[in-house]
N, C-alpha and C. Protein backbone atom coordinates (compact mmCIF):
# COMPACT_ATOMS: atom_id res chain seq x y z
N MET A 1 25.92 66.58 15.65
CA MET A 1 26.66 65.79 15.06
C MET A 1 25.98 64.84 14.64
N LEU A 2 24.94 63.91 13.77
CA LEU A 2 24.67 63.37 13.25
C LEU A 2 25.06 61.83 13.30
N ALA A 3 24.02 61.00 13.65
CA ALA A 3 24.30 59.45 13.63
C ALA A 3 23.64 58.80 12.75
N ASN A 4 23.78 57.91 12.50
CA ASN A 4 22.84 56.84 11.34
C ASN A 4 23.01 58.04 9.83
N THR A 5 23.76 58.49 9.57
CA THR A 5 23.03 59.15 8.71
C THR A 5 23.61 58.21 6.99
N GLN A 6 22.77 57.80 6.38
CA GLN A 6 22.80 57.43 5.27
C GLN A 6 22.62 58.33 3.91
N ILE A 7 23.59 58.20 2.61
CA ILE A 7 23.13 59.10 1.84
C ILE A 7 22.86 58.15 0.62
N HIS A 8 21.64 58.40 0.57
CA HIS A 8 21.13 57.94 -1.71
C HIS A 8 21.40 58.98 -1.96
N PRO A 9 22.06 58.26 -3.33
CA PRO A 9 21.97 59.56 -4.51
C PRO A 9 20.43 59.21 -4.88
N GLN A 10 20.27 60.85 -5.42
CA GLN A 10 19.52 61.74 -5.66
C GLN A 10 18.81 62.02 -7.19
N HIS A 11 18.52 61.14 -7.45
CA HIS A 11 17.93 60.87 -9.23
C HIS A 11 17.68 62.50 -9.38
N THR A 12 18.30 62.94 -10.35
CA THR A 12 17.81 64.33 -10.89
C THR A 12 16.75 64.78 -12.06
N ARG A 13 15.81 65.34 -11.82
CA ARG A 13 14.72 64.71 -12.66
C ARG A 13 15.15 66.26 -13.64
N ARG A 14 15.10 65.74 -15.53
CA ARG A 14 15.35 66.11 -16.27
C ARG A 14 14.58 66.05 -16.86
N THR A 15 14.63 67.18 -18.12
CA THR A 15 13.39 67.38 -19.77
C THR A 15 13.69 66.52 -20.27
N ILE A 16 13.60 65.73 -21.31
CA ILE A 16 14.38 65.23 -22.33
C ILE A 16 13.10 65.82 -23.94
N THR A 17 13.91 65.68 -24.25
CA THR A 17 13.32 66.85 -25.53
C THR A 17 14.42 66.48 -26.96
N GLY A 18 13.12 67.00 -28.26
CA GLY A 18 13.82 66.09 -29.67
C GLY A 18 12.64 66.30 -30.74
N VAL A 19 12.94 65.73 -31.58
CA VAL A 19 12.11 65.79 -32.60
C VAL A 19 11.94 64.39 -33.40
N VAL A 20 10.74 64.18 -33.56
CA VAL A 20 10.70 62.60 -34.40
C VAL A 20 10.01 62.91 -35.97
N THR A 21 11.27 61.72 -36.56
CA THR A 21 10.63 62.26 -38.40
C THR A 21 10.25 60.74 -38.66
N CYS A 22 10.67 60.79 -40.02
CA CYS A 22 10.55 59.87 -40.99
C CYS A 22 10.90 60.57 -42.50
N GLU A 23 11.39 59.63 -42.68
CA GLU A 23 11.99 60.12 -43.96
C GLU A 23 12.07 61.78 -44.59
N GLY A 24 12.55 62.49 -43.21
CA GLY A 24 12.66 63.90 -43.27
C GLY A 24 11.00 64.64 -42.45
N VAL A 25 10.11 64.22 -42.57
CA VAL A 25 8.75 64.68 -42.78
C VAL A 25 8.72 64.36 -40.63
N ARG A 26 8.21 65.20 -40.30
CA ARG A 26 8.38 65.65 -39.01
C ARG A 26 6.29 64.75 -38.20
N LEU A 27 7.08 63.96 -37.58
CA LEU A 27 5.27 63.06 -37.25
C LEU A 27 4.81 63.20 -35.77
N GLU A 28 3.56 63.76 -36.05
CA GLU A 28 2.43 64.43 -35.29
C GLU A 28 1.78 62.91 -34.11
N GLY A 29 1.77 63.11 -33.05
CA GLY A 29 0.73 62.30 -32.57
C GLY A 29 1.46 60.88 -31.69
N VAL A 30 3.09 60.45 -31.29
CA VAL A 30 4.09 59.33 -31.61
C VAL A 30 4.14 59.72 -30.36
N GLN A 31 3.73 58.21 -29.36
CA GLN A 31 3.79 58.39 -28.14
C GLN A 31 5.32 57.76 -27.49
N ILE A 32 5.80 58.16 -26.65
CA ILE A 32 6.90 58.75 -25.79
C ILE A 32 6.29 57.52 -24.39
N LEU A 33 6.62 56.56 -24.65
CA LEU A 33 6.71 55.54 -23.03
C LEU A 33 7.82 55.70 -22.51
N ILE A 34 8.70 56.21 -21.63
CA ILE A 34 9.43 55.78 -20.09
C ILE A 34 9.34 53.86 -19.99
N LYS A 35 9.85 53.26 -21.04
CA LYS A 35 10.32 51.88 -20.44
C LYS A 35 10.32 51.14 -19.21
N GLY A 36 9.08 50.59 -17.91
CA GLY A 36 9.08 50.35 -17.43
C GLY A 36 7.50 51.01 -16.57
N SER A 37 8.01 51.69 -17.20
CA SER A 37 6.41 52.64 -16.39
C SER A 37 5.67 53.23 -16.68
N ASP A 38 4.71 53.74 -16.23
CA ASP A 38 3.29 53.90 -16.73
C ASP A 38 3.02 55.35 -17.40
N TYR A 39 4.11 56.00 -17.37
CA TYR A 39 4.27 57.11 -17.65
C TYR A 39 4.92 57.90 -19.50
N TYR A 40 4.30 58.68 -19.86
CA TYR A 40 4.54 58.46 -20.95
C TYR A 40 3.88 59.75 -22.04
N SER A 41 3.83 60.62 -23.20
CA SER A 41 4.70 61.88 -23.82
C SER A 41 3.62 61.13 -24.62
N GLY A 42 3.77 62.57 -26.06
CA GLY A 42 3.45 62.53 -27.19
C GLY A 42 4.21 63.47 -28.11
N THR A 43 4.48 63.50 -29.47
CA THR A 43 4.90 64.21 -29.89
C THR A 43 3.96 65.61 -30.63
N GLN A 44 4.21 66.70 -30.27
CA GLN A 44 2.93 67.85 -30.74
C GLN A 44 3.20 68.06 -32.04
N GLN A 45 2.48 68.54 -33.02
CA GLN A 45 2.23 69.20 -34.62
C GLN A 45 3.25 68.96 -35.44
N ASP A 46 4.43 69.71 -34.84
CA ASP A 46 6.04 69.67 -35.42
C ASP A 46 6.80 68.29 -35.25
N GLY A 47 6.33 67.20 -34.76
CA GLY A 47 7.11 66.49 -34.40
C GLY A 47 7.98 66.42 -32.94
N VAL A 48 7.82 67.82 -32.01
CA VAL A 48 8.51 67.76 -30.69
C VAL A 48 7.76 67.28 -29.88
N TYR A 49 8.56 66.86 -28.69
CA TYR A 49 8.26 66.09 -27.70
C TYR A 49 8.64 66.79 -26.31
N TYR A 50 8.86 66.30 -25.36
CA TYR A 50 9.37 66.89 -24.09
C TYR A 50 9.00 65.76 -22.97
N ILE A 51 9.59 65.57 -22.08
CA ILE A 51 9.18 64.00 -21.70
C ILE A 51 10.14 64.50 -19.93
N PRO A 52 9.47 64.68 -19.03
CA PRO A 52 10.00 64.32 -18.20
C PRO A 52 10.91 63.02 -17.32
N VAL A 53 11.92 63.08 -16.89
CA VAL A 53 12.70 61.70 -16.57
C VAL A 53 13.18 61.78 -15.44
N THR A 54 13.71 61.06 -14.55
CA THR A 54 14.58 60.66 -13.76
C THR A 54 15.60 59.64 -13.14
N ALA A 55 15.74 58.74 -13.67
CA ALA A 55 16.68 57.80 -13.84
C ALA A 55 17.65 58.33 -14.99
N PRO A 56 18.71 57.97 -14.74
CA PRO A 56 19.97 58.48 -15.49
C PRO A 56 20.47 57.73 -16.83
N ASP A 57 19.53 56.73 -16.46
CA ASP A 57 19.54 54.93 -17.55
C ASP A 57 18.88 54.64 -17.81
N ALA A 58 17.28 55.59 -18.63
CA ALA A 58 15.96 55.70 -18.64
C ALA A 58 16.16 54.59 -20.23
N VAL A 59 15.13 54.28 -20.79
CA VAL A 59 14.58 53.93 -21.97
C VAL A 59 13.64 54.38 -22.28
N LEU A 60 13.40 55.26 -23.66
CA LEU A 60 12.15 55.76 -24.23
C LEU A 60 12.02 54.81 -25.16
N VAL A 61 10.84 54.62 -25.03
CA VAL A 61 10.26 53.54 -26.35
C VAL A 61 9.35 54.43 -27.47
N PHE A 62 9.58 54.58 -28.79
CA PHE A 62 8.94 55.54 -29.32
C PHE A 62 7.84 54.65 -30.52
N SER A 63 6.46 54.56 -30.34
CA SER A 63 5.45 54.11 -31.23
C SER A 63 4.70 54.67 -31.63
N LEU A 64 4.40 54.85 -33.15
CA LEU A 64 2.76 55.00 -33.79
C LEU A 64 2.04 53.66 -34.76
N ASP A 65 1.37 53.61 -35.08
CA ASP A 65 0.42 52.89 -35.68
C ASP A 65 0.89 53.11 -37.01
N GLY A 66 1.55 51.94 -37.99
CA GLY A 66 2.13 52.15 -39.11
C GLY A 66 4.14 52.69 -38.92
N TYR A 67 4.04 51.95 -38.01
CA TYR A 67 5.88 52.69 -37.78
C TYR A 67 6.10 51.54 -37.00
N GLN A 68 7.64 51.14 -36.90
CA GLN A 68 8.55 50.62 -36.35
C GLN A 68 8.50 51.03 -34.72
N GLN A 69 8.15 50.44 -34.22
CA GLN A 69 8.65 50.84 -32.76
C GLN A 69 9.82 50.89 -32.61
N GLN A 70 10.79 52.04 -31.82
CA GLN A 70 12.23 51.92 -31.49
C GLN A 70 12.02 52.80 -30.29
N GLU A 71 13.02 52.00 -30.03
CA GLU A 71 13.54 52.33 -28.10
C GLU A 71 15.45 53.15 -28.24
N VAL A 72 15.08 53.94 -26.99
CA VAL A 72 16.56 54.85 -27.30
C VAL A 72 16.56 54.69 -26.00
N SER A 73 18.09 54.23 -25.22
CA SER A 73 19.19 54.24 -24.11
C SER A 73 19.41 55.72 -23.78
N LEU A 74 18.71 56.24 -22.72
CA LEU A 74 19.24 57.80 -22.37
C LEU A 74 20.77 57.30 -21.63
N SER A 75 21.85 58.79 -21.84
CA SER A 75 22.72 58.96 -20.96
C SER A 75 22.47 59.90 -20.39
N GLU A 76 23.30 59.99 -19.45
CA GLU A 76 23.22 61.30 -18.44
C GLU A 76 23.60 62.65 -19.14
N ASN A 77 24.40 62.34 -19.73
CA ASN A 77 25.06 63.16 -20.22
C ASN A 77 24.65 64.14 -21.55
N GLU A 78 22.98 63.88 -22.17
CA GLU A 78 22.59 64.41 -23.42
C GLU A 78 20.89 64.37 -22.90
N ASN A 79 20.31 65.66 -23.18
CA ASN A 79 19.20 66.15 -23.38
C ASN A 79 18.28 65.89 -24.47
N GLU A 80 19.08 65.79 -25.61
CA GLU A 80 18.36 65.72 -26.29
C GLU A 80 18.51 64.42 -27.95
N TYR A 81 17.37 63.86 -28.33
CA TYR A 81 17.86 62.35 -28.46
C TYR A 81 16.62 62.74 -30.11
N ASN A 82 16.79 62.72 -31.05
CA ASN A 82 15.76 63.05 -32.49
C ASN A 82 15.76 61.68 -32.74
N VAL A 83 14.71 61.14 -33.04
CA VAL A 83 14.15 60.07 -33.71
C VAL A 83 14.05 59.69 -34.91
N ALA A 84 14.47 58.64 -35.71
CA ALA A 84 13.72 58.81 -36.75
C ALA A 84 12.91 57.76 -37.25
N LEU A 85 11.72 57.26 -37.55
CA LEU A 85 11.06 56.00 -37.10
C LEU A 85 10.97 55.62 -38.98
N LYS A 86 10.91 54.33 -38.81
CA LYS A 86 11.01 53.33 -40.07
C LYS A 86 9.50 53.28 -40.28
N LYS A 87 8.51 52.98 -41.44
CA LYS A 87 7.50 52.54 -41.82
C LYS A 87 7.45 51.02 -41.46
N LYS A 88 6.47 50.52 -40.94
CA LYS A 88 6.85 48.95 -41.24
C LYS A 88 5.97 48.48 -42.33
N GLY A 89 7.11 47.49 -42.79
CA GLY A 89 6.98 46.61 -44.07
C GLY A 89 7.88 47.14 -45.68
N LEU A 90 8.82 48.40 -44.38
CA LEU A 90 10.02 48.68 -45.54
C LEU A 90 11.39 47.86 -44.93
């Protein structure tokens, strides 16, 4: 018999992926940061990114020089987020 057992919710690690574009062109070198942390990733040459997250309600911040920063709130049920950045000044 277990005494004083507490159940803590386990956050499952999952990998979020997607493609970052601007006007249909895939962007390389976009930084993707998990808001409130120091953990980040970046897009590859083909605009694809992968970033592991544990919090079900994490927010990803997408940024690249010359483009408007964009934040994306994650849901528990989705693992793919394609993002279209806009150039600054447009």
